[in-house]
């Protein structure tokens, strides 16, 4: 009974975070903040859904497989978000009019 409630709550919260990541893609002004929203919110949302699946099917095989999926997801999502943000910044399309702080450009001017 408690496990069923926990699974339901984890799935609802995880799906809500993934939905917020999707809304972030639509509402945020530039690719840098969009990549940040997707990589953080969607990663946490999927993490909660994977935990819910572990609780729902508590067999050794499913826990091992879901743990491997969890590790792979936690390693690849931040790196892919960083790669997308870096590509957007280097292409020159990253800065929205509301963006006032540009740390990489400031660092480049200080070094030269």
N, C-alpha and C. Protein backbone atom coordinates (compact mmCIF):
# COMPACT_ATOMS: atom_id res chain seq x y z
N UNK A 1 0.82 -1.20 0.00
CA UNK A 1 0.00 0.00 0.00
C UNK A 1 0.87 1.27 0.00
N UNK A 2 1.83 1.34 0.91
CA UNK A 2 2.69 2.52 0.97
C UNK A 2 3.56 2.61 -0.28
N UNK A 3 4.02 1.45 -0.76
CA UNK A 3 4.84 1.45 -1.97
C UNK A 3 4.06 1.96 -3.17
N UNK A 4 2.79 1.58 -3.26
CA UNK A 4 1.95 2.04 -4.36
C UNK A 4 1.76 3.55 -4.32
N UNK A 5 1.56 4.09 -3.15
CA UNK A 5 1.40 5.53 -3.00
C UNK A 5 2.71 6.24 -3.35
N UNK A 6 3.84 5.70 -2.87
CA UNK A 6 5.14 6.30 -3.17
C UNK A 6 5.42 6.28 -4.67
N UNK A 7 5.09 5.17 -5.33
CA UNK A 7 5.29 5.07 -6.78
C UNK A 7 4.44 6.11 -7.49
N UNK A 8 3.20 6.25 -7.09
CA UNK A 8 2.32 7.24 -7.71
C UNK A 8 2.83 8.66 -7.53
N UNK A 9 3.28 8.98 -6.33
CA UNK A 9 3.79 10.33 -6.07
C UNK A 9 5.05 10.59 -6.88
N UNK A 10 5.96 9.62 -6.90
CA UNK A 10 7.20 9.80 -7.66
C UNK A 10 6.93 9.99 -9.15
N UNK A 11 5.99 9.22 -9.68
CA UNK A 11 5.67 9.34 -11.11
C UNK A 11 5.02 10.70 -11.41
N UNK A 12 4.12 11.14 -10.55
CA UNK A 12 3.45 12.42 -10.78
C UNK A 12 4.45 13.57 -10.70
N UNK A 13 5.31 13.55 -9.67
CA UNK A 13 6.30 14.63 -9.54
C UNK A 13 7.30 14.58 -10.69
N UNK A 14 7.75 13.37 -11.07
CA UNK A 14 8.69 13.24 -12.19
C UNK A 14 8.08 13.72 -13.50
N UNK A 15 6.83 13.35 -13.75
CA UNK A 15 6.17 13.81 -14.97
C UNK A 15 5.96 15.32 -14.95
N UNK A 16 5.68 15.86 -13.76
CA UNK A 16 5.54 17.31 -13.65
C UNK A 16 6.84 18.04 -13.96
N UNK A 17 7.96 17.50 -13.49
CA UNK A 17 9.25 18.12 -13.80
C UNK A 17 9.59 18.04 -15.28
N UNK A 18 9.26 16.92 -15.90
CA UNK A 18 9.49 16.80 -17.34
C UNK A 18 8.60 17.77 -18.10
N UNK A 19 7.37 17.96 -17.63
CA UNK A 19 6.48 18.94 -18.25
C UNK A 19 7.02 20.36 -18.10
N UNK A 20 7.56 20.66 -16.91
CA UNK A 20 8.17 21.98 -16.71
C UNK A 20 9.37 22.18 -17.63
N UNK A 21 10.14 21.13 -17.86
CA UNK A 21 11.26 21.23 -18.80
C UNK A 21 10.76 21.54 -20.21
N UNK A 22 9.67 20.89 -20.59
CA UNK A 22 9.08 21.17 -21.90
C UNK A 22 8.57 22.60 -22.00
N UNK A 23 7.95 23.09 -20.94
CA UNK A 23 7.49 24.48 -20.95
C UNK A 23 8.68 25.45 -20.97
N UNK A 24 9.77 25.05 -20.32
CA UNK A 24 10.97 25.88 -20.35
C UNK A 24 11.52 26.05 -21.75
N UNK A 25 11.42 24.99 -22.55
CA UNK A 25 11.87 25.09 -23.94
C UNK A 25 11.04 26.13 -24.69
N UNK A 26 9.76 26.17 -24.41
CA UNK A 26 8.88 27.10 -25.12
C UNK A 26 8.98 28.53 -24.59
N UNK A 27 9.20 28.70 -23.28
CA UNK A 27 9.09 30.02 -22.69
C UNK A 27 10.40 30.76 -22.46
N UNK A 28 11.51 30.05 -22.31
CA UNK A 28 12.76 30.72 -21.97
C UNK A 28 13.35 31.42 -23.20
N UNK A 29 14.08 32.53 -22.99
CA UNK A 29 14.43 33.41 -24.10
C UNK A 29 15.58 32.96 -24.98
N UNK A 30 16.53 32.20 -24.48
CA UNK A 30 17.69 31.88 -25.31
C UNK A 30 18.10 30.41 -25.15
N UNK A 31 18.90 29.91 -26.08
CA UNK A 31 19.29 28.50 -26.04
C UNK A 31 20.05 28.09 -24.78
N UNK A 32 20.77 29.01 -24.16
CA UNK A 32 21.53 28.65 -22.96
C UNK A 32 20.59 28.32 -21.80
N UNK A 33 19.59 29.13 -21.58
CA UNK A 33 18.66 28.84 -20.49
C UNK A 33 17.76 27.67 -20.84
N UNK A 34 17.45 27.49 -22.10
CA UNK A 34 16.66 26.32 -22.51
C UNK A 34 17.42 25.03 -22.25
N UNK A 35 18.69 25.00 -22.61
CA UNK A 35 19.51 23.80 -22.38
C UNK A 35 19.63 23.53 -20.89
N UNK A 36 19.75 24.57 -20.10
CA UNK A 36 19.84 24.42 -18.65
C UNK A 36 18.55 23.83 -18.08
N UNK A 37 17.42 24.35 -18.53
CA UNK A 37 16.14 23.86 -18.04
C UNK A 37 15.93 22.40 -18.40
N UNK A 38 16.22 22.05 -19.62
CA UNK A 38 16.00 20.69 -20.06
C UNK A 38 16.94 19.73 -19.35
N UNK A 39 18.21 20.09 -19.25
CA UNK A 39 19.16 19.14 -18.67
C UNK A 39 18.92 18.94 -17.18
N UNK A 40 18.46 19.95 -16.47
CA UNK A 40 18.24 19.80 -15.03
C UNK A 40 16.87 19.21 -14.71
N UNK A 41 15.84 19.83 -15.21
CA UNK A 41 14.48 19.40 -14.86
C UNK A 41 14.15 18.02 -15.43
N UNK A 42 14.49 17.80 -16.68
CA UNK A 42 14.18 16.49 -17.27
C UNK A 42 15.02 15.39 -16.63
N UNK A 43 16.26 15.69 -16.29
CA UNK A 43 17.10 14.68 -15.63
C UNK A 43 16.53 14.30 -14.27
N UNK A 44 16.11 15.28 -13.49
CA UNK A 44 15.54 14.98 -12.19
C UNK A 44 14.19 14.27 -12.34
N UNK A 45 13.39 14.69 -13.31
CA UNK A 45 12.11 14.03 -13.54
C UNK A 45 12.26 12.57 -13.90
N UNK A 46 13.19 12.28 -14.81
CA UNK A 46 13.41 10.89 -15.18
C UNK A 46 14.01 10.10 -14.02
N UNK A 47 14.85 10.73 -13.23
CA UNK A 47 15.42 10.08 -12.05
C UNK A 47 14.31 9.63 -11.11
N UNK A 48 13.33 10.48 -10.87
CA UNK A 48 12.21 10.11 -10.00
C UNK A 48 11.37 8.99 -10.60
N UNK A 49 11.18 9.01 -11.90
CA UNK A 49 10.40 7.95 -12.55
C UNK A 49 11.16 6.62 -12.50
N UNK A 50 12.46 6.66 -12.64
CA UNK A 50 13.27 5.43 -12.53
C UNK A 50 13.20 4.88 -11.11
N UNK A 51 13.26 5.76 -10.11
CA UNK A 51 13.11 5.30 -8.72
C UNK A 51 11.74 4.68 -8.50
N UNK A 52 10.71 5.26 -9.10
CA UNK A 52 9.36 4.70 -8.99
C UNK A 52 9.31 3.31 -9.61
N UNK A 53 9.97 3.14 -10.75
CA UNK A 53 10.00 1.82 -11.38
C UNK A 53 10.75 0.81 -10.52
N UNK A 54 11.81 1.26 -9.85
CA UNK A 54 12.54 0.36 -8.94
C UNK A 54 11.66 -0.09 -7.77
N UNK A 55 10.90 0.86 -7.23
CA UNK A 55 10.03 0.50 -6.11
C UNK A 55 8.90 -0.41 -6.57
N UNK A 56 8.37 -0.15 -7.76
CA UNK A 56 7.25 -0.94 -8.26
C UNK A 56 7.65 -2.39 -8.55
N UNK A 57 8.85 -2.61 -9.07
CA UNK A 57 9.30 -3.96 -9.39
C UNK A 57 10.63 -4.19 -8.69
N UNK A 58 10.57 -4.66 -7.48
CA UNK A 58 11.76 -4.79 -6.64
C UNK A 58 12.42 -6.15 -6.81
N UNK A 59 12.77 -6.50 -8.05
CA UNK A 59 13.53 -7.72 -8.29
C UNK A 59 14.98 -7.34 -8.57
N UNK A 60 15.87 -8.29 -8.40
CA UNK A 60 17.29 -8.01 -8.58
C UNK A 60 17.56 -7.56 -10.01
N UNK A 61 16.97 -8.25 -10.97
CA UNK A 61 17.21 -7.92 -12.37
C UNK A 61 16.76 -6.50 -12.71
N UNK A 62 15.57 -6.13 -12.28
CA UNK A 62 15.07 -4.79 -12.62
C UNK A 62 15.86 -3.70 -11.89
N UNK A 63 16.26 -3.96 -10.66
CA UNK A 63 17.04 -2.96 -9.94
C UNK A 63 18.40 -2.76 -10.59
N UNK A 64 19.03 -3.85 -11.04
CA UNK A 64 20.34 -3.73 -11.70
C UNK A 64 20.19 -2.99 -13.03
N UNK A 65 19.20 -3.35 -13.82
CA UNK A 65 19.01 -2.68 -15.11
C UNK A 65 18.67 -1.20 -14.92
N UNK A 66 17.77 -0.91 -14.01
CA UNK A 66 17.39 0.49 -13.79
C UNK A 66 18.51 1.30 -13.17
N UNK A 67 19.36 0.67 -12.37
CA UNK A 67 20.52 1.37 -11.83
C UNK A 67 21.50 1.72 -12.95
N UNK A 68 21.71 0.80 -13.88
CA UNK A 68 22.57 1.10 -15.03
C UNK A 68 21.98 2.21 -15.90
N UNK A 69 20.68 2.19 -16.10
CA UNK A 69 20.02 3.26 -16.86
C UNK A 69 20.18 4.59 -16.13
N UNK A 70 20.01 4.55 -14.82
CA UNK A 70 20.15 5.76 -14.00
C UNK A 70 21.56 6.34 -14.10
N UNK A 71 22.56 5.50 -13.98
CA UNK A 71 23.94 5.97 -14.07
C UNK A 71 24.23 6.55 -15.46
N UNK A 72 23.81 5.84 -16.49
CA UNK A 72 24.03 6.33 -17.86
C UNK A 72 23.33 7.66 -18.07
N UNK A 73 22.13 7.78 -17.55
CA UNK A 73 21.37 9.03 -17.71
C UNK A 73 22.04 10.18 -16.97
N UNK A 74 22.48 9.92 -15.74
CA UNK A 74 23.10 10.98 -14.95
C UNK A 74 24.45 11.41 -15.50
N UNK A 75 25.11 10.54 -16.26
CA UNK A 75 26.39 10.92 -16.86
C UNK A 75 26.18 11.66 -18.18
N UNK A 76 25.24 11.21 -19.00
CA UNK A 76 25.12 11.77 -20.34
C UNK A 76 24.30 13.05 -20.42
N UNK A 77 23.28 13.21 -19.61
CA UNK A 77 22.40 14.39 -19.73
C UNK A 77 23.13 15.70 -19.41
N UNK A 78 23.87 15.81 -18.31
CA UNK A 78 24.58 17.08 -18.09
C UNK A 78 25.62 17.37 -19.17
N UNK A 79 26.30 16.34 -19.64
CA UNK A 79 27.30 16.55 -20.68
C UNK A 79 26.67 16.98 -21.99
N UNK A 80 25.54 16.40 -22.35
CA UNK A 80 24.88 16.80 -23.59
C UNK A 80 24.30 18.21 -23.46
N UNK A 81 23.77 18.56 -22.29
CA UNK A 81 23.29 19.92 -22.09
C UNK A 81 24.41 20.94 -22.21
N UNK A 82 25.57 20.60 -21.65
CA UNK A 82 26.73 21.48 -21.77
C UNK A 82 27.18 21.61 -23.22
N UNK A 83 27.21 20.51 -23.95
CA UNK A 83 27.63 20.54 -25.35
C UNK A 83 26.67 21.39 -26.19
N UNK A 84 25.36 21.25 -25.94
CA UNK A 84 24.39 22.06 -26.68
C UNK A 84 24.53 23.54 -26.35
N UNK A 85 24.71 23.86 -25.08
CA UNK A 85 24.87 25.26 -24.69
C UNK A 85 26.16 25.85 -25.26
N UNK A 86 27.23 25.08 -25.23
CA UNK A 86 28.50 25.57 -25.78
C UNK A 86 28.40 25.80 -27.28
N UNK A 87 27.74 24.88 -27.99
CA UNK A 87 27.57 25.05 -29.43
C UNK A 87 26.71 26.28 -29.74
N UNK A 88 25.67 26.50 -28.95
CA UNK A 88 24.82 27.67 -29.16
C UNK A 88 25.59 28.96 -28.88
N UNK A 89 26.41 28.95 -27.84
CA UNK A 89 27.19 30.16 -27.51
C UNK A 89 28.21 30.46 -28.59
N UNK A 90 28.91 29.44 -29.05
CA UNK A 90 29.95 29.65 -30.06
C UNK A 90 29.38 30.04 -31.41
N UNK A 91 28.14 29.65 -31.69
CA UNK A 91 27.54 30.02 -32.98
C UNK A 91 27.03 31.46 -32.97
N UNK A 92 26.94 32.07 -31.79
CA UNK A 92 26.50 33.45 -31.71
C UNK A 92 25.01 33.63 -31.56
N UNK A 93 24.26 32.56 -31.48
CA UNK A 93 22.81 32.68 -31.37
C UNK A 93 22.34 32.61 -29.93
N UNK A 94 23.25 32.53 -29.00
CA UNK A 94 22.87 32.22 -27.64
C UNK A 94 22.36 33.40 -26.82
N UNK A 95 22.76 34.59 -27.12
CA UNK A 95 22.45 35.70 -26.23
C UNK A 95 21.13 36.37 -26.58
N UNK A 96 20.23 36.36 -25.60
CA UNK A 96 18.95 37.05 -25.74
C UNK A 96 19.13 38.49 -25.28
N UNK A 97 18.23 39.39 -25.67
CA UNK A 97 18.35 40.79 -25.24
C UNK A 97 18.31 40.96 -23.72
N UNK A 98 17.65 40.04 -23.00
CA UNK A 98 17.57 40.17 -21.55
C UNK A 98 18.82 39.66 -20.84
N UNK A 99 19.71 39.02 -21.57
CA UNK A 99 20.94 38.51 -20.97
C UNK A 99 21.94 39.65 -20.84
N UNK A 100 22.37 39.92 -19.61
CA UNK A 100 23.30 41.03 -19.39
C UNK A 100 24.69 40.56 -18.97
N UNK A 101 24.80 39.38 -18.39
CA UNK A 101 26.10 38.88 -17.94
C UNK A 101 26.61 37.87 -18.96
N UNK A 102 27.81 38.08 -19.44
CA UNK A 102 28.43 37.17 -20.40
C UNK A 102 29.82 36.81 -19.87
N UNK A 103 29.88 35.85 -18.97
CA UNK A 103 31.14 35.50 -18.31
C UNK A 103 32.22 35.01 -19.27
N UNK A 104 31.92 34.15 -20.26
CA UNK A 104 32.99 33.74 -21.17
C UNK A 104 33.60 34.91 -21.95
N UNK A 105 32.77 35.86 -22.38
CA UNK A 105 33.31 37.01 -23.11
C UNK A 105 34.13 37.90 -22.19
N UNK A 106 33.67 38.06 -20.95
CA UNK A 106 34.42 38.84 -19.98
C UNK A 106 35.76 38.18 -19.67
N UNK A 107 35.78 36.88 -19.58
CA UNK A 107 37.02 36.14 -19.31
C UNK A 107 37.99 36.28 -20.48
N UNK A 108 37.46 36.25 -21.71
CA UNK A 108 38.32 36.38 -22.89
C UNK A 108 38.95 37.76 -22.96
N UNK A 109 38.21 38.81 -22.59
CA UNK A 109 38.77 40.16 -22.65
C UNK A 109 39.80 40.38 -21.55
N UNK A 110 39.65 39.73 -20.42
CA UNK A 110 40.63 39.88 -19.35
C UNK A 110 41.94 39.16 -19.67
N UNK A 111 41.84 38.03 -20.38
CA UNK A 111 43.02 37.23 -20.69
C UNK A 111 43.86 37.85 -21.80
N UNK A 112 43.24 38.61 -22.68
CA UNK A 112 44.00 39.16 -23.81
C UNK A 112 44.53 40.54 -23.57
